[in-house]
Amino acid sequence: MTDAVFKDNKARRAIVDDLESCILVEAGAGSGKTYSLVQRMVALVRENSCTVDRMAAVTFTRKAAAELKGRFQVELEKTLAREADADKKGRLDRALSDLDRCFLGTIHSFCALLLRERPIEAGLDPDFEELDDLEDALLQERVWEDYLNGVRAAAPHLLDDLSKIDIDARDLKGCYRNLMAYPDVDIAREDVPAPDLASVRTRLNGLLDWADAVLPAASLRVVGTSCSRCCAWL
């Protein structure tokens, strides 16, 4: 990457040069966010603004964390090889030696690290373990099934109420997943009376009568269901 390539080069340079400011970078995929982050981390070490044991870089996935660590190490080595200043070379060399003391991991592992330092104050079992994505998904499935079994045993009338409006409990699973994914969002709840579908049923019956009259009787037939007017075409 060269200075002549990007129109936003001034902003990119600020990421590396303005080490005393907190900077928010918002950009699309493939625009060089990770590259700029690595450059800033190396600059912090080189300019003695931060040592790796006091540095944290947080990612969303373990794969991204592993990639970031590898790129950080490579950039430290490259910068060390071309650095002429003895003090800066010393800082870069120490950073490579202490690289394992730099936190490079996921949000979950970073939060777990903080909680393990103060588990009692946080009200947690000191032996707690964070879940990965698969374990979290399996736990959600188990909680959902346990909840449904509990409703069937203790309050089956709730399932009957759902059946009256043609909703199966399994249809609510998507809503449950959304609640689990966004626990900070308050769901609006309001009791409303059951809708009067008489006018809709009248219009539906008229539509079915019209369809019955215009469709060829030789190739199509009406199959009755529990609703005397609903039909399937075969």
C-alpha atoms as a PDB file:
ATOM      1  CA  MET A   1       0.000   0.000   0.000  1.00  0.00           C
ATOM      2  CA  THR A   2       1.406   3.386  -1.001  1.00  0.00           C
ATOM      3  CA  ASP A   3       0.470   6.959  -0.225  1.00  0.00           C
ATOM      4  CA  ALA A   4      -0.603   7.571  -3.825  1.00  0.00           C
ATOM      5  CA  VAL A   5      -3.225   4.823  -3.905  1.00  0.00           C
ATOM      6  CA  PHE A   6      -5.941   6.054  -1.545  1.00  0.00           C
ATOM      7  CA  LYS A   7      -7.965   9.248  -1.525  1.00  0.00           C
ATOM      8  CA  ASP A   8      -8.393   8.846   2.231  1.00  0.00           C
ATOM      9  CA  ASN A   9      -4.657   8.558   2.784  1.00  0.00           C
ATOM     10  CA  LYS A  10      -4.702  11.406   5.331  1.00  0.00           C
ATOM     11  CA  ALA A  11      -7.082   9.451   7.534  1.00  0.00           C
ATOM     12  CA  ARG A  12      -5.048   6.270   7.074  1.00  0.00           C
ATOM     13  CA  ARG A  13      -1.883   8.077   8.112  1.00  0.00           C
ATOM     14  CA  ALA A  14      -3.624   9.427  11.225  1.00  0.00           C
ATOM     15  CA  ILE A  15      -4.253   5.844  12.364  1.00  0.00           C
ATOM     16  CA  VAL A  16      -0.500   5.250  12.399  1.00  0.00           C
ATOM     17  CA  ASP A  17       0.781   8.695  13.354  1.00  0.00           C
ATOM     18  CA  ASP A  18      -1.781  10.084  15.803  1.00  0.00           C
ATOM     19  CA  LEU A  19      -1.041   7.694  18.643  1.00  0.00           C
ATOM     20  CA  GLU A  20      -2.418   9.947  21.396  1.00  0.00           C
ATOM     21  CA  SER A  21      -5.989   9.984  20.062  1.00  0.00           C
ATOM     22  CA  CYS A  22      -8.751   7.392  20.186  1.00  0.00           C
ATOM     23  CA  ILE A  23      -9.824   6.700  16.625  1.00  0.00           C
ATOM     24  CA  LEU A  24     -12.990   5.077  15.316  1.00  0.00           C
ATOM     25  CA  VAL A  25     -12.576   3.482  11.888  1.00  0.00           C
ATOM     26  CA  GLU A  26     -15.675   2.589   9.891  1.00  0.00           C
ATOM     27  CA  ALA A  27     -15.084   0.951   6.515  1.00  0.00           C
ATOM     28  CA  GLY A  28     -16.269  -1.889   4.333  1.00  0.00           C
ATOM     29  CA  ALA A  29     -14.817  -5.360   3.972  1.00  0.00           C
ATOM     30  CA  GLY A  30     -11.436  -5.520   2.242  1.00  0.00           C
ATOM     31  CA  SER A  31     -10.703  -1.828   2.724  1.00  0.00           C
ATOM     32  CA  GLY A  32      -7.626  -2.391   4.884  1.00  0.00           C
ATOM     33  CA  LYS A  33      -8.939  -2.121   8.459  1.00  0.00           C
ATOM     34  CA  THR A  34      -6.819  -5.010   9.724  1.00  0.00           C
ATOM     35  CA  TYR A  35      -3.753  -3.678   7.907  1.00  0.00           C
ATOM     36  CA  SER A  36      -4.215  -0.258   9.518  1.00  0.00           C
ATOM     37  CA  LEU A  37      -4.763  -1.830  12.933  1.00  0.00           C
ATOM     38  CA  VAL A  38      -1.530  -3.815  12.660  1.00  0.00           C
ATOM     39  CA  GLN A  39       0.350  -0.702  11.529  1.00  0.00           C
ATOM     40  CA  ARG A  40      -0.947   1.227  14.530  1.00  0.00           C
ATOM     41  CA  MET A  41      -0.007  -1.563  16.944  1.00  0.00           C
ATOM     42  CA  VAL A  42       3.535  -1.655  15.555  1.00  0.00           C
ATOM     43  CA  ALA A  43       3.770   2.148  15.718  1.00  0.00           C
ATOM     44  CA  LEU A  44       2.674   2.119  19.368  1.00  0.00           C
ATOM     45  CA  VAL A  45       5.521  -0.260  20.166  1.00  0.00           C
ATOM     46  CA  ARG A  46       8.106   1.499  18.004  1.00  0.00           C
ATOM     47  CA  GLU A  47       7.359   4.947  19.412  1.00  0.00           C
ATOM     48  CA  ASN A  48       7.304   3.676  23.002  1.00  0.00           C
ATOM     49  CA  SER A  49       3.633   4.585  23.454  1.00  0.00           C
ATOM     50  CA  CYS A  50       2.704   1.096  24.609  1.00  0.00           C
ATOM     51  CA  THR A  51       4.298  -2.266  25.294  1.00  0.00           C
ATOM     52  CA  VAL A  52       2.745  -5.492  24.058  1.00  0.00           C
ATOM     53  CA  ASP A  53       1.939  -6.698  27.574  1.00  0.00           C
ATOM     54  CA  ARG A  54      -0.382  -3.686  27.952  1.00  0.00           C
ATOM     55  CA  MET A  55      -1.940  -4.026  24.503  1.00  0.00           C
ATOM     56  CA  ALA A  56      -5.213  -5.709  23.555  1.00  0.00           C
ATOM     57  CA  ALA A  57      -6.667  -6.309  20.100  1.00  0.00           C
ATOM     58  CA  VAL A  58     -10.162  -7.777  20.057  1.00  0.00           C
ATOM     59  CA  THR A  59     -11.830  -9.607  17.152  1.00  0.00           C
ATOM     60  CA  PHE A  60     -15.171 -11.300  16.563  1.00  0.00           C
ATOM     61  CA  THR A  61     -13.884 -14.763  15.670  1.00  0.00           C
ATOM     62  CA  ARG A  62     -11.005 -17.020  16.663  1.00  0.00           C
ATOM     63  CA  LYS A  63      -9.937 -17.272  13.043  1.00  0.00           C
ATOM     64  CA  ALA A  64      -9.630 -13.495  12.792  1.00  0.00           C
ATOM     65  CA  ALA A  65      -7.671 -13.401  16.059  1.00  0.00           C
ATOM     66  CA  ALA A  66      -5.191 -16.004  14.813  1.00  0.00           C
ATOM     67  CA  GLU A  67      -4.766 -14.105  11.536  1.00  0.00           C
ATOM     68  CA  LEU A  68      -4.242 -10.822  13.395  1.00  0.00           C
ATOM     69  CA  LYS A  69      -1.572 -12.323  15.627  1.00  0.00           C
ATOM     70  CA  GLY A  70       0.299 -13.722  12.628  1.00  0.00           C
ATOM     71  CA  ARG A  71       0.177 -10.428  10.738  1.00  0.00           C
ATOM     72  CA  PHE A  72       1.271  -8.485  13.817  1.00  0.00           C
ATOM     73  CA  GLN A  73       4.299 -10.731  14.263  1.00  0.00           C
ATOM     74  CA  VAL A  74       5.276 -10.489  10.595  1.00  0.00           C
ATOM     75  CA  GLU A  75       4.978  -6.690  10.619  1.00  0.00           C
ATOM     76  CA  LEU A  76       7.057  -6.441  13.787  1.00  0.00           C
ATOM     77  CA  GLU A  77       9.784  -8.518  12.120  1.00  0.00           C
ATOM     78  CA  LYS A  78       9.704  -6.427   8.938  1.00  0.00           C
ATOM     79  CA  THR A  79       9.821  -3.162  10.852  1.00  0.00           C
ATOM     80  CA  LEU A  80      12.669  -4.419  13.025  1.00  0.00           C
ATOM     81  CA  ALA A  81      14.686  -5.430   9.955  1.00  0.00           C
ATOM     82  CA  ARG A  82      14.524  -1.962   8.384  1.00  0.00           C
ATOM     83  CA  GLU A  83      14.691   0.146  11.573  1.00  0.00           C
ATOM     84  CA  ALA A  84      17.973   2.056  12.039  1.00  0.00           C
ATOM     85  CA  ASP A  85      17.333   3.674  15.428  1.00  0.00           C
ATOM     86  CA  ALA A  86      18.850   1.539  18.195  1.00  0.00           C
ATOM     87  CA  ASP A  87      16.194   2.389  20.808  1.00  0.00           C
ATOM     88  CA  LYS A  88      13.343   1.595  18.447  1.00  0.00           C
ATOM     89  CA  LYS A  89      15.023  -1.638  17.373  1.00  0.00           C
ATOM     90  CA  GLY A  90      15.296  -2.630  21.029  1.00  0.00           C
ATOM     91  CA  ARG A  91      11.604  -1.981  21.643  1.00  0.00           C
ATOM     92  CA  LEU A  92      10.578  -3.930  18.556  1.00  0.00           C
ATOM     93  CA  ASP A  93      12.846  -6.818  19.505  1.00  0.00           C
ATOM     94  CA  ARG A  94      11.387  -6.959  23.035  1.00  0.00           C
ATOM     95  CA  ALA A  95       7.897  -6.890  21.568  1.00  0.00           C
ATOM     96  CA  LEU A  96       8.666  -9.975  19.499  1.00  0.00           C
ATOM     97  CA  SER A  97      10.056 -11.737  22.551  1.00  0.00           C
ATOM     98  CA  ASP A  98       6.985 -10.825  24.619  1.00  0.00           C
ATOM     99  CA  LEU A  99       4.426 -11.354  21.870  1.00  0.00           C
ATOM    100  CA  ASP A 100       2.581 -14.040  23.862  1.00  0.00           C
ATOM    101  CA  ARG A 101       1.882 -11.440  26.565  1.00  0.00           C
ATOM    102  CA  CYS A 102      -0.181  -9.376  24.128  1.00  0.00           C
ATOM    103  CA  PHE A 103      -3.897 -10.121  24.206  1.00  0.00           C
ATOM    104  CA  LEU A 104      -5.096 -11.004  20.727  1.00  0.00           C
ATOM    105  CA  GLY A 105      -8.432 -12.783  20.909  1.00  0.00           C
ATOM    106  CA  THR A 106     -12.192 -12.681  20.643  1.00  0.00           C
ATOM    107  CA  ILE A 107     -14.601 -10.467  22.533  1.00  0.00           C
ATOM    108  CA  HIS A 108     -15.761 -13.515  24.503  1.00  0.00           C
ATOM    109  CA  SER A 109     -12.269 -14.505  25.568  1.00  0.00           C
ATOM    110  CA  PHE A 110     -11.402 -10.906  26.475  1.00  0.00           C
ATOM    111  CA  CYS A 111     -14.478 -10.573  28.680  1.00  0.00           C
ATOM    112  CA  ALA A 112     -13.764 -13.986  30.197  1.00  0.00           C
ATOM    113  CA  LEU A 113     -10.242 -12.826  31.028  1.00  0.00           C
ATOM    114  CA  LEU A 114     -11.604  -9.797  32.874  1.00  0.00           C
ATOM    115  CA  LEU A 115     -14.222 -11.847  34.720  1.00  0.00           C
ATOM    116  CA  ARG A 116     -11.669 -14.428  35.816  1.00  0.00           C
ATOM    117  CA  GLU A 117      -9.729 -11.676  37.534  1.00  0.00           C
ATOM    118  CA  ARG A 118     -12.780 -10.797  39.657  1.00  0.00           C
ATOM    119  CA  PRO A 119     -15.193 -13.780  39.568  1.00  0.00           C
ATOM    120  CA  ILE A 120     -16.494 -13.332  43.127  1.00  0.00           C
ATOM    121  CA  GLU A 121     -17.283  -9.661  42.586  1.00  0.00           C
ATOM    122  CA  ALA A 122     -19.083 -10.585  39.359  1.00  0.00           C
ATOM    123  CA  GLY A 123     -21.095 -13.284  41.139  1.00  0.00           C
ATOM    124  CA  LEU A 124     -19.635 -16.102  39.036  1.00  0.00           C
ATOM    125  CA  ASP A 125     -18.236 -19.532  39.737  1.00  0.00           C
ATOM    126  CA  PRO A 126     -14.441 -19.156  39.469  1.00  0.00           C
ATOM    127  CA  ASP A 127     -14.394 -22.289  37.282  1.00  0.00           C
ATOM    128  CA  PHE A 128     -16.816 -20.886  34.699  1.00  0.00           C
ATOM    129  CA  GLU A 129     -16.135 -21.554  31.011  1.00  0.00           C
ATOM    130  CA  GLU A 130     -17.142 -19.476  28.004  1.00  0.00           C
ATOM    131  CA  LEU A 131     -19.069 -21.232  25.230  1.00  0.00           C
ATOM    132  CA  ASP A 132     -18.055 -21.323  21.613  1.00  0.00           C
ATOM    133  CA  ASP A 133     -20.616 -20.775  18.852  1.00  0.00           C
ATOM    134  CA  LEU A 134     -21.521 -24.462  18.520  1.00  0.00           C
ATOM    135  CA  GLU A 135     -21.916 -24.979  22.258  1.00  0.00           C
ATOM    136  CA  ASP A 136     -24.046 -21.857  22.488  1.00  0.00           C
ATOM    137  CA  ALA A 137     -26.324 -23.056  19.674  1.00  0.00           C
ATOM    138  CA  LEU A 138     -26.727 -26.491  21.294  1.00  0.00           C
ATOM    139  CA  LEU A 139     -27.530 -24.897  24.644  1.00  0.00           C
ATOM    140  CA  GLN A 140     -30.198 -22.714  23.060  1.00  0.00           C
ATOM    141  CA  GLU A 141     -31.774 -25.759  21.425  1.00  0.00           C
ATOM    142  CA  ARG A 142     -31.825 -27.629  24.742  1.00  0.00           C
ATOM    143  CA  VAL A 143     -33.343 -24.680  26.612  1.00  0.00           C
ATOM    144  CA  TRP A 144     -36.075 -24.339  23.971  1.00  0.00           C
ATOM    145  CA  GLU A 145     -37.003 -28.007  24.124  1.00  0.00           C
ATOM    146  CA  ASP A 146     -36.941 -28.025  27.941  1.00  0.00           C
ATOM    147  CA  TYR A 147     -39.221 -24.988  27.979  1.00  0.00           C
ATOM    148  CA  LEU A 148     -41.744 -26.581  25.611  1.00  0.00           C
ATOM    149  CA  ASN A 149     -41.757 -29.796  27.613  1.00  0.00           C
ATOM    150  CA  GLY A 150     -42.367 -27.764  30.752  1.00  0.00           C
ATOM    151  CA  VAL A 151     -45.311 -25.963  29.148  1.00  0.00           C
ATOM    152  CA  ARG A 152     -46.796 -29.247  27.944  1.00  0.00           C
ATOM    153  CA  ALA A 153     -46.587 -30.652  31.470  1.00  0.00           C
ATOM    154  CA  ALA A 154     -47.588 -27.624  33.554  1.00  0.00           C
ATOM    155  CA  ALA A 155     -49.700 -25.378  31.311  1.00  0.00           C
ATOM    156  CA  PRO A 156     -50.998 -27.244  28.246  1.00  0.00           C
ATOM    157  CA  HIS A 157     -53.816 -24.706  27.888  1.00  0.00           C
ATOM    158  CA  LEU A 158     -51.252 -22.223  26.579  1.00  0.00           C
ATOM    159  CA  LEU A 159     -50.549 -24.495  23.629  1.00  0.00           C
ATOM    160  CA  ASP A 160     -54.290 -24.886  23.112  1.00  0.00           C
ATOM    161  CA  ASP A 161     -54.602 -21.100  22.916  1.00  0.00           C
ATOM    162  CA  LEU A 162     -51.972 -21.079  20.181  1.00  0.00           C
ATOM    163  CA  SER A 163     -53.817 -23.766  18.241  1.00  0.00           C
ATOM    164  CA  LYS A 164     -56.975 -21.653  18.267  1.00  0.00           C
ATOM    165  CA  ILE A 165     -55.190 -19.060  16.137  1.00  0.00           C
ATOM    166  CA  ASP A 166     -53.487 -21.672  13.926  1.00  0.00           C
ATOM    167  CA  ILE A 167     -50.016 -21.227  15.442  1.00  0.00           C
ATOM    168  CA  ASP A 168     -47.825 -24.166  16.307  1.00  0.00           C
ATOM    169  CA  ALA A 169     -45.313 -23.736  19.139  1.00  0.00           C
ATOM    170  CA  ARG A 170     -42.560 -24.601  16.667  1.00  0.00           C
ATOM    171  CA  ASP A 171     -43.508 -21.499  14.662  1.00  0.00           C
ATOM    172  CA  LEU A 172     -42.267 -19.378  17.579  1.00  0.00           C
ATOM    173  CA  LYS A 173     -38.751 -20.779  17.470  1.00  0.00           C
ATOM    174  CA  GLY A 174     -37.549 -18.005  15.158  1.00  0.00           C
ATOM    175  CA  CYS A 175     -38.810 -15.399  17.636  1.00  0.00           C
ATOM    176  CA  TYR A 176     -37.003 -17.240  20.441  1.00  0.00           C
ATOM    177  CA  ARG A 177     -33.749 -17.164  18.484  1.00  0.00           C
ATOM    178  CA  ASN A 178     -34.120 -13.433  17.890  1.00  0.00           C
ATOM    179  CA  LEU A 179     -34.636 -12.881  21.609  1.00  0.00           C
ATOM    180  CA  MET A 180     -31.471 -14.848  22.343  1.00  0.00           C
ATOM    181  CA  ALA A 181     -29.495 -12.956  19.718  1.00  0.00           C
ATOM    182  CA  TYR A 182     -30.658  -9.516  20.884  1.00  0.00           C
ATOM    183  CA  PRO A 183     -31.247  -9.744  24.657  1.00  0.00           C
ATOM    184  CA  ASP A 184     -30.988  -5.962  25.043  1.00  0.00           C
ATOM    185  CA  VAL A 185     -34.030  -5.344  22.818  1.00  0.00           C
ATOM    186  CA  ASP A 186     -37.359  -4.985  24.625  1.00  0.00           C
ATOM    187  CA  ILE A 187     -40.158  -6.819  22.845  1.00  0.00           C
ATOM    188  CA  ALA A 188     -43.455  -4.915  22.725  1.00  0.00           C
ATOM    189  CA  ARG A 189     -46.249  -6.971  24.271  1.00  0.00           C
ATOM    190  CA  GLU A 190     -49.908  -6.018  24.180  1.00  0.00           C
ATOM    191  CA  ASP A 191     -53.066  -8.041  24.721  1.00  0.00           C
ATOM    192  CA  VAL A 192     -55.424  -7.593  21.792  1.00  0.00           C
ATOM    193  CA  PRO A 193     -58.823  -9.146  21.106  1.00  0.00           C
ATOM    194  CA  ALA A 194     -59.126 -11.941  18.599  1.00  0.00           C
ATOM    195  CA  PRO A 195     -59.854 -10.574  15.119  1.00  0.00           C
ATOM    196  CA  ASP A 196     -63.308 -10.993  13.587  1.00  0.00           C
ATOM    197  CA  LEU A 197     -62.710 -13.018  10.441  1.00  0.00           C
ATOM    198  CA  ALA A 198     -66.361 -13.266   9.356  1.00  0.00           C
ATOM    199  CA  SER A 199     -65.954 -10.763   6.527  1.00  0.00           C
ATOM    200  CA  VAL A 200     -62.764 -12.462   5.370  1.00  0.00           C
ATOM    201  CA  ARG A 201     -64.479 -15.865   5.415  1.00  0.00           C
ATOM    202  CA  THR A 202     -67.326 -14.469   3.316  1.00  0.00           C
ATOM    203  CA  ARG A 203     -64.897 -13.109   0.703  1.00  0.00           C
ATOM    204  CA  LEU A 204     -62.939 -16.379   0.719  1.00  0.00           C
ATOM    205  CA  ASN A 205     -66.095 -18.383   0.146  1.00  0.00           C
ATOM    206  CA  GLY A 206     -66.959 -16.170  -2.803  1.00  0.00           C
ATOM    207  CA  LEU A 207     -63.486 -16.643  -4.272  1.00  0.00           C
ATOM    208  CA  LEU A 208     -63.752 -20.409  -3.917  1.00  0.00           C
ATOM    209  CA  ASP A 209     -67.165 -20.454  -5.562  1.00  0.00           C
ATOM    210  CA  TRP A 210     -65.789 -18.434  -8.461  1.00  0.00           C
ATOM    211  CA  ALA A 211     -62.764 -20.728  -8.827  1.00  0.00           C
ATOM    212  CA  ASP A 212     -64.980 -23.798  -8.682  1.00  0.00           C
ATOM    213  CA  ALA A 213     -67.073 -22.415 -11.549  1.00  0.00           C
ATOM    214  CA  VAL A 214     -64.238 -21.484 -13.902  1.00  0.00           C
ATOM    215  CA  LEU A 215     -61.833 -24.408 -13.451  1.00  0.00           C
ATOM    216  CA  PRO A 216     -62.264 -27.435 -15.775  1.00  0.00           C
ATOM    217  CA  ALA A 217     -64.059 -30.165 -13.878  1.00  0.00           C
ATOM    218  CA  ALA A 218     -62.396 -32.994 -15.857  1.00  0.00           C
ATOM    219  CA  SER A 219     -58.835 -32.226 -14.714  1.00  0.00           C
ATOM    220  CA  LEU A 220     -59.407 -30.616 -11.314  1.00  0.00           C
ATOM    221  CA  ARG A 221     -61.418 -31.500  -8.266  1.00  0.00           C
ATOM    222  CA  VAL A 222     -62.042 -29.900  -4.908  1.00  0.00           C
ATOM    223  CA  VAL A 223     -60.839 -31.772  -1.845  1.00  0.00           C
ATOM    224  CA  GLY A 224     -62.614 -30.780   1.374  1.00  0.00           C
ATOM    225  CA  THR A 225     -60.764 -30.184   4.638  1.00  0.00           C
ATOM    226  CA  SER A 226     -61.820 -29.626   8.218  1.00  0.00           C
ATOM    227  CA  CYS A 227     -62.835 -26.161   7.046  1.00  0.00           C
ATOM    228  CA  SER A 228     -65.779 -26.876   4.780  1.00  0.00           C
ATOM    229  CA  ARG A 229     -64.808 -24.220   2.259  1.00  0.00           C
ATOM    230  CA  CYS A 230     -61.012 -24.466   2.142  1.00  0.00           C
ATOM    231  CA  CYS A 231     -59.663 -26.569  -0.690  1.00  0.00           C
ATOM    232  CA  ALA A 232     -56.612 -27.971  -2.428  1.00  0.00           C
ATOM    233  CA  TRP A 233     -56.366 -28.368  -6.198  1.00  0.00           C
ATOM    234  CA  LEU A 234     -55.177 -31.692  -7.496  1.00  0.00           C
END
